Amino acid sequence: MAIIINLDVMMAKRKMSLNELSERVGLTNVNLSILKTGKAKGVRFDTLESICKVLDCQPGDILEYRAKV
């Protein structure tokens, strides 16, 4: 996939566990894990907004585009 999910990087920078982020964002651990591992087919803007608010970051800190070679 050309879209890279850097959620684990931002969580590490903020020293936040998946459980803590899950509680603060209001998503299940399973759904956040699917997003974190890049297995999600999409992400809702309100979910992205909540994650960015909790992690104090921009969407571009979490989502990255890399062209396939």
N, C-alpha and C. Protein backbone atom coordinates (compact mmCIF):
# COMPACT_ATOMS: atom_id res chain seq x y z
N MET A 1 0.84 -1.18 0.00
CA MET A 1 0.00 0.00 0.00
C MET A 1 0.88 1.24 0.00
N ALA A 2 0.50 2.26 -0.71
CA ALA A 2 1.28 3.49 -0.82
C ALA A 2 1.06 4.43 0.36
N ILE A 3 0.00 4.19 1.16
CA ILE A 3 -0.24 5.01 2.34
C ILE A 3 0.35 4.30 3.55
N ILE A 4 1.24 4.98 4.23
CA ILE A 4 1.92 4.44 5.41
C ILE A 4 1.29 5.05 6.65
N ILE A 5 0.98 4.22 7.64
CA ILE A 5 0.40 4.68 8.90
C ILE A 5 1.51 4.75 9.95
N ASN A 6 1.74 5.95 10.46
CA ASN A 6 2.79 6.17 11.46
C ASN A 6 2.21 6.37 12.86
N LEU A 7 1.08 5.74 13.12
CA LEU A 7 0.43 5.90 14.43
C LEU A 7 1.32 5.40 15.56
N ASP A 8 2.00 4.28 15.35
CA ASP A 8 2.89 3.75 16.39
C ASP A 8 4.04 4.69 16.70
N VAL A 9 4.52 5.41 15.68
CA VAL A 9 5.60 6.38 15.88
C VAL A 9 5.13 7.53 16.77
N MET A 10 3.93 8.06 16.46
CA MET A 10 3.39 9.17 17.25
C MET A 10 3.06 8.73 18.67
N MET A 11 2.56 7.52 18.82
CA MET A 11 2.27 7.00 20.16
C MET A 11 3.56 6.87 20.97
N ALA A 12 4.62 6.42 20.34
CA ALA A 12 5.91 6.29 21.03
C ALA A 12 6.45 7.66 21.43
N LYS A 13 6.33 8.64 20.52
CA LYS A 13 6.80 10.00 20.82
C LYS A 13 6.05 10.59 22.01
N ARG A 14 4.78 10.25 22.14
CA ARG A 14 3.94 10.77 23.23
C ARG A 14 3.92 9.84 24.44
N LYS A 15 4.67 8.73 24.33
CA LYS A 15 4.74 7.73 25.40
C LYS A 15 3.35 7.28 25.83
N MET A 16 2.54 6.94 24.81
CA MET A 16 1.16 6.54 25.05
C MET A 16 0.94 5.12 24.56
N SER A 17 0.29 4.32 25.38
CA SER A 17 0.00 2.94 25.01
C SER A 17 -1.26 2.88 24.14
N LEU A 18 -1.44 1.75 23.50
CA LEU A 18 -2.64 1.54 22.68
C LEU A 18 -3.89 1.59 23.56
N ASN A 19 -3.80 1.02 24.76
CA ASN A 19 -4.94 1.05 25.68
C ASN A 19 -5.31 2.47 26.07
N GLU A 20 -4.33 3.28 26.39
CA GLU A 20 -4.60 4.66 26.78
C GLU A 20 -5.19 5.46 25.62
N LEU A 21 -4.61 5.32 24.43
CA LEU A 21 -5.13 6.02 23.27
C LEU A 21 -6.56 5.56 22.97
N SER A 22 -6.79 4.27 23.08
CA SER A 22 -8.12 3.72 22.85
C SER A 22 -9.15 4.35 23.77
N GLU A 23 -8.84 4.44 25.04
CA GLU A 23 -9.76 5.02 26.02
C GLU A 23 -10.01 6.50 25.73
N ARG A 24 -8.96 7.23 25.41
CA ARG A 24 -9.09 8.67 25.22
C ARG A 24 -9.76 9.04 23.91
N VAL A 25 -9.60 8.19 22.88
CA VAL A 25 -10.21 8.45 21.58
C VAL A 25 -11.63 7.90 21.52
N GLY A 26 -11.89 6.83 22.27
CA GLY A 26 -13.21 6.23 22.26
C GLY A 26 -13.37 5.15 21.21
N LEU A 27 -12.27 4.51 20.84
CA LEU A 27 -12.30 3.38 19.90
C LEU A 27 -11.82 2.13 20.63
N THR A 28 -12.18 0.98 20.10
CA THR A 28 -11.71 -0.26 20.70
C THR A 28 -10.23 -0.47 20.38
N ASN A 29 -9.58 -1.27 21.21
CA ASN A 29 -8.18 -1.62 20.95
C ASN A 29 -8.04 -2.30 19.60
N VAL A 30 -9.02 -3.15 19.26
CA VAL A 30 -8.97 -3.89 18.00
C VAL A 30 -9.00 -2.93 16.82
N ASN A 31 -9.91 -1.96 16.83
CA ASN A 31 -10.00 -1.01 15.71
C ASN A 31 -8.75 -0.16 15.60
N LEU A 32 -8.21 0.29 16.72
CA LEU A 32 -6.96 1.07 16.67
C LEU A 32 -5.80 0.21 16.19
N SER A 33 -5.78 -1.04 16.60
CA SER A 33 -4.72 -1.94 16.17
C SER A 33 -4.78 -2.17 14.66
N ILE A 34 -5.98 -2.32 14.12
CA ILE A 34 -6.16 -2.49 12.67
C ILE A 34 -5.63 -1.26 11.94
N LEU A 35 -5.92 -0.09 12.47
CA LEU A 35 -5.42 1.14 11.86
C LEU A 35 -3.90 1.22 11.98
N LYS A 36 -3.39 0.93 13.17
CA LYS A 36 -1.95 1.04 13.43
C LYS A 36 -1.13 0.12 12.55
N THR A 37 -1.65 -1.06 12.25
CA THR A 37 -0.90 -2.02 11.44
C THR A 37 -1.09 -1.81 9.94
N GLY A 38 -1.91 -0.83 9.58
CA GLY A 38 -2.10 -0.53 8.16
C GLY A 38 -3.09 -1.44 7.47
N LYS A 39 -3.88 -2.19 8.23
CA LYS A 39 -4.84 -3.12 7.65
C LYS A 39 -6.21 -2.49 7.42
N ALA A 40 -6.40 -1.25 7.88
CA ALA A 40 -7.68 -0.57 7.70
C ALA A 40 -7.85 -0.15 6.24
N LYS A 41 -9.06 -0.23 5.75
CA LYS A 41 -9.36 0.18 4.38
C LYS A 41 -9.60 1.68 4.30
N GLY A 42 -9.86 2.32 5.44
CA GLY A 42 -10.11 3.75 5.46
C GLY A 42 -10.18 4.23 6.89
N VAL A 43 -10.24 5.53 7.04
CA VAL A 43 -10.37 6.12 8.38
C VAL A 43 -11.31 7.32 8.25
N ARG A 44 -12.24 7.43 9.19
CA ARG A 44 -13.17 8.54 9.18
C ARG A 44 -12.46 9.80 9.66
N PHE A 45 -12.88 10.94 9.10
CA PHE A 45 -12.25 12.20 9.48
C PHE A 45 -12.45 12.50 10.96
N ASP A 46 -13.60 12.17 11.53
CA ASP A 46 -13.81 12.44 12.95
C ASP A 46 -12.90 11.57 13.82
N THR A 47 -12.61 10.35 13.36
CA THR A 47 -11.67 9.48 14.08
C THR A 47 -10.26 10.05 13.99
N LEU A 48 -9.87 10.47 12.80
CA LEU A 48 -8.55 11.07 12.60
C LEU A 48 -8.41 12.34 13.45
N GLU A 49 -9.47 13.13 13.49
CA GLU A 49 -9.47 14.36 14.30
C GLU A 49 -9.27 14.03 15.78
N SER A 50 -9.98 13.03 16.27
CA SER A 50 -9.85 12.64 17.68
C SER A 50 -8.45 12.15 18.01
N ILE A 51 -7.89 11.34 17.12
CA ILE A 51 -6.52 10.83 17.34
C ILE A 51 -5.53 11.99 17.35
N CYS A 52 -5.68 12.91 16.40
CA CYS A 52 -4.77 14.07 16.34
C CYS A 52 -4.90 14.95 17.59
N LYS A 53 -6.12 15.10 18.07
CA LYS A 53 -6.35 15.91 19.26
C LYS A 53 -5.66 15.29 20.47
N VAL A 54 -5.85 13.99 20.65
CA VAL A 54 -5.27 13.29 21.80
C VAL A 54 -3.74 13.26 21.70
N LEU A 55 -3.21 13.02 20.50
CA LEU A 55 -1.75 12.92 20.34
C LEU A 55 -1.09 14.28 20.08
N ASP A 56 -1.90 15.34 19.98
CA ASP A 56 -1.40 16.69 19.72
C ASP A 56 -0.49 16.69 18.49
N CYS A 57 -1.09 16.27 17.35
CA CYS A 57 -0.32 16.18 16.12
C CYS A 57 -1.21 16.56 14.93
N GLN A 58 -0.64 16.54 13.76
CA GLN A 58 -1.35 16.82 12.51
C GLN A 58 -1.61 15.50 11.79
N PRO A 59 -2.63 15.47 10.92
CA PRO A 59 -2.89 14.25 10.16
C PRO A 59 -1.67 13.76 9.38
N GLY A 60 -0.86 14.67 8.88
CA GLY A 60 0.34 14.30 8.14
C GLY A 60 1.40 13.64 9.00
N ASP A 61 1.28 13.78 10.33
CA ASP A 61 2.20 13.08 11.23
C ASP A 61 1.84 11.60 11.32
N ILE A 62 0.59 11.27 11.02
CA ILE A 62 0.10 9.91 11.14
C ILE A 62 0.04 9.21 9.78
N LEU A 63 -0.38 9.95 8.75
CA LEU A 63 -0.53 9.38 7.41
C LEU A 63 0.57 9.89 6.49
N GLU A 64 1.15 8.99 5.73
CA GLU A 64 2.25 9.35 4.82
C GLU A 64 2.05 8.63 3.50
N TYR A 65 2.32 9.32 2.41
CA TYR A 65 2.24 8.70 1.07
C TYR A 65 3.63 8.39 0.58
N ARG A 66 3.83 7.16 0.13
CA ARG A 66 5.09 6.76 -0.51
C ARG A 66 4.73 6.10 -1.83
N ALA A 67 5.28 6.63 -2.90
CA ALA A 67 5.03 6.06 -4.21
C ALA A 67 5.61 4.66 -4.29
N LYS A 68 4.87 3.78 -4.94
CA LYS A 68 5.37 2.42 -5.14
C LYS A 68 6.44 2.44 -6.22
N VAL A 69 7.48 1.68 -5.98
CA VAL A 69 8.60 1.65 -6.92
C VAL A 69 8.47 0.47 -7.84
